[in-house]
Amino acid sequence: MTRREEIIRELELRSRSIDELARLFQCTRREVVEDLKHVQRTLRARGRRLCVLPPVCRSCGEAINIKKPKNIKRCPKCRSSHVAPARFVVKSG
């Protein structure tokens, strides 16, 4: 089973952040981001979705909208670096 297939299986069970996936699969965050982009396309072809639970700024409470998997370092509103990471989960339909 490839790492991308394992990521899909893991995200079917529970939501995970990029850092959690990188630790779990012993790879870099950059590799996980690339894998998530491919996972998103694979799931779309299978009639499923990769849902992104948006990162939230811990200072101002702003939810940061992202469409593609990426690692957010700062809040665009208040520029704070206290940002809870985005979480990803696989949903059917």
Protein backbone atom coordinates (compact mmCIF):
# COMPACT_ATOMS: atom_id res chain seq x y z
CA MET A 1 0.00 0.00 0.00
CA THR A 2 1.39 3.41 -0.94
CA ARG A 3 1.75 6.29 1.50
CA ARG A 4 -1.11 8.14 -0.21
CA GLU A 5 -3.41 5.14 0.20
CA GLU A 6 -2.39 4.93 3.84
CA ILE A 7 -3.15 8.64 4.29
CA ILE A 8 -6.62 8.11 2.82
CA ARG A 9 -7.20 5.19 5.20
CA GLU A 10 -6.00 7.22 8.20
CA LEU A 11 -8.17 10.23 7.29
CA GLU A 12 -11.22 7.96 6.95
CA LEU A 13 -10.80 7.08 10.63
CA ARG A 14 -10.16 10.55 12.13
CA SER A 15 -9.15 14.10 11.29
CA ARG A 16 -5.43 14.85 11.24
CA SER A 17 -3.22 17.91 10.79
CA ILE A 18 -0.28 18.11 8.39
CA ASP A 19 2.17 17.82 11.30
CA GLU A 20 0.42 14.74 12.69
CA LEU A 21 0.52 13.05 9.28
CA ALA A 22 4.21 13.93 8.84
CA ARG A 23 5.06 12.39 12.22
CA LEU A 24 2.87 9.35 11.59
CA PHE A 25 4.41 8.59 8.18
CA GLN A 26 7.92 9.84 9.05
CA CYS A 27 8.20 12.32 6.19
CA THR A 28 8.39 16.09 5.77
CA ARG A 29 5.43 18.46 5.91
CA ARG A 30 6.13 19.42 2.29
CA GLU A 31 5.74 15.78 1.22
CA VAL A 32 2.46 15.52 3.14
CA VAL A 33 1.11 18.67 1.47
CA GLU A 34 1.96 17.24 -1.97
CA ASP A 35 0.39 13.91 -1.02
CA LEU A 36 -2.78 15.64 0.19
CA LYS A 37 -3.13 17.45 -3.14
CA HIS A 38 -2.98 14.09 -4.94
CA VAL A 39 -5.30 12.48 -2.38
CA GLN A 40 -7.82 15.26 -3.03
CA ARG A 41 -7.83 14.48 -6.78
CA THR A 42 -8.02 10.72 -6.19
CA LEU A 43 -10.97 11.07 -3.84
CA ARG A 44 -12.80 13.39 -6.23
CA ALA A 45 -12.48 10.73 -8.96
CA ARG A 46 -13.96 8.17 -6.54
CA GLY A 47 -16.91 10.42 -5.66
CA ARG A 48 -15.57 11.34 -2.21
CA ARG A 49 -14.13 14.51 -0.68
CA LEU A 50 -11.15 15.63 1.35
CA CYS A 51 -12.69 18.06 3.82
CA VAL A 52 -10.55 20.77 5.38
CA LEU A 53 -11.41 21.91 8.88
CA PRO A 54 -9.98 25.44 8.66
CA PRO A 55 -7.13 26.71 10.81
CA VAL A 56 -8.24 29.13 13.52
CA CYS A 57 -6.27 32.04 14.92
CA ARG A 58 -5.91 31.60 18.67
CA SER A 59 -5.47 35.37 19.15
CA CYS A 60 -8.43 36.88 17.28
CA GLY A 61 -10.56 33.74 16.70
CA GLU A 62 -10.67 34.22 12.93
CA ALA A 63 -11.20 31.05 10.87
CA ILE A 64 -8.81 31.11 7.91
CA ASN A 65 -10.38 29.84 4.69
CA ILE A 66 -8.17 27.59 2.58
CA LYS A 67 -9.19 25.61 -0.49
CA LYS A 68 -5.99 23.63 -1.07
CA PRO A 69 -3.96 21.77 1.52
CA LYS A 70 -1.24 24.06 2.87
CA ASN A 71 0.44 24.97 6.10
CA ILE A 72 -0.66 28.38 7.47
CA LYS A 73 1.94 30.20 9.59
CA ARG A 74 0.24 33.55 10.33
CA CYS A 75 -3.27 34.94 10.63
CA PRO A 76 -4.01 37.22 7.65
CA LYS A 77 -6.18 39.46 9.85
CA CYS A 78 -4.05 40.12 12.94
CA ARG A 79 -0.69 38.67 11.72
CA SER A 80 -0.39 36.54 14.86
CA SER A 81 1.57 33.31 14.63
CA HIS A 82 -0.72 31.59 17.17
CA VAL A 83 -2.69 29.59 14.62
CA ALA A 84 -4.27 26.20 15.31
CA PRO A 85 -3.44 23.93 12.34
CA ALA A 86 -5.90 22.92 9.65
CA ARG A 87 -7.26 19.40 10.00
CA PHE A 88 -8.19 17.08 7.17
CA VAL A 89 -10.77 14.30 7.01
CA VAL A 90 -12.26 12.12 4.24
CA LYS A 91 -16.03 12.33 3.71
CA SER A 92 -18.22 10.38 1.32
CA GLY A 93 -20.29 12.14 -1.31
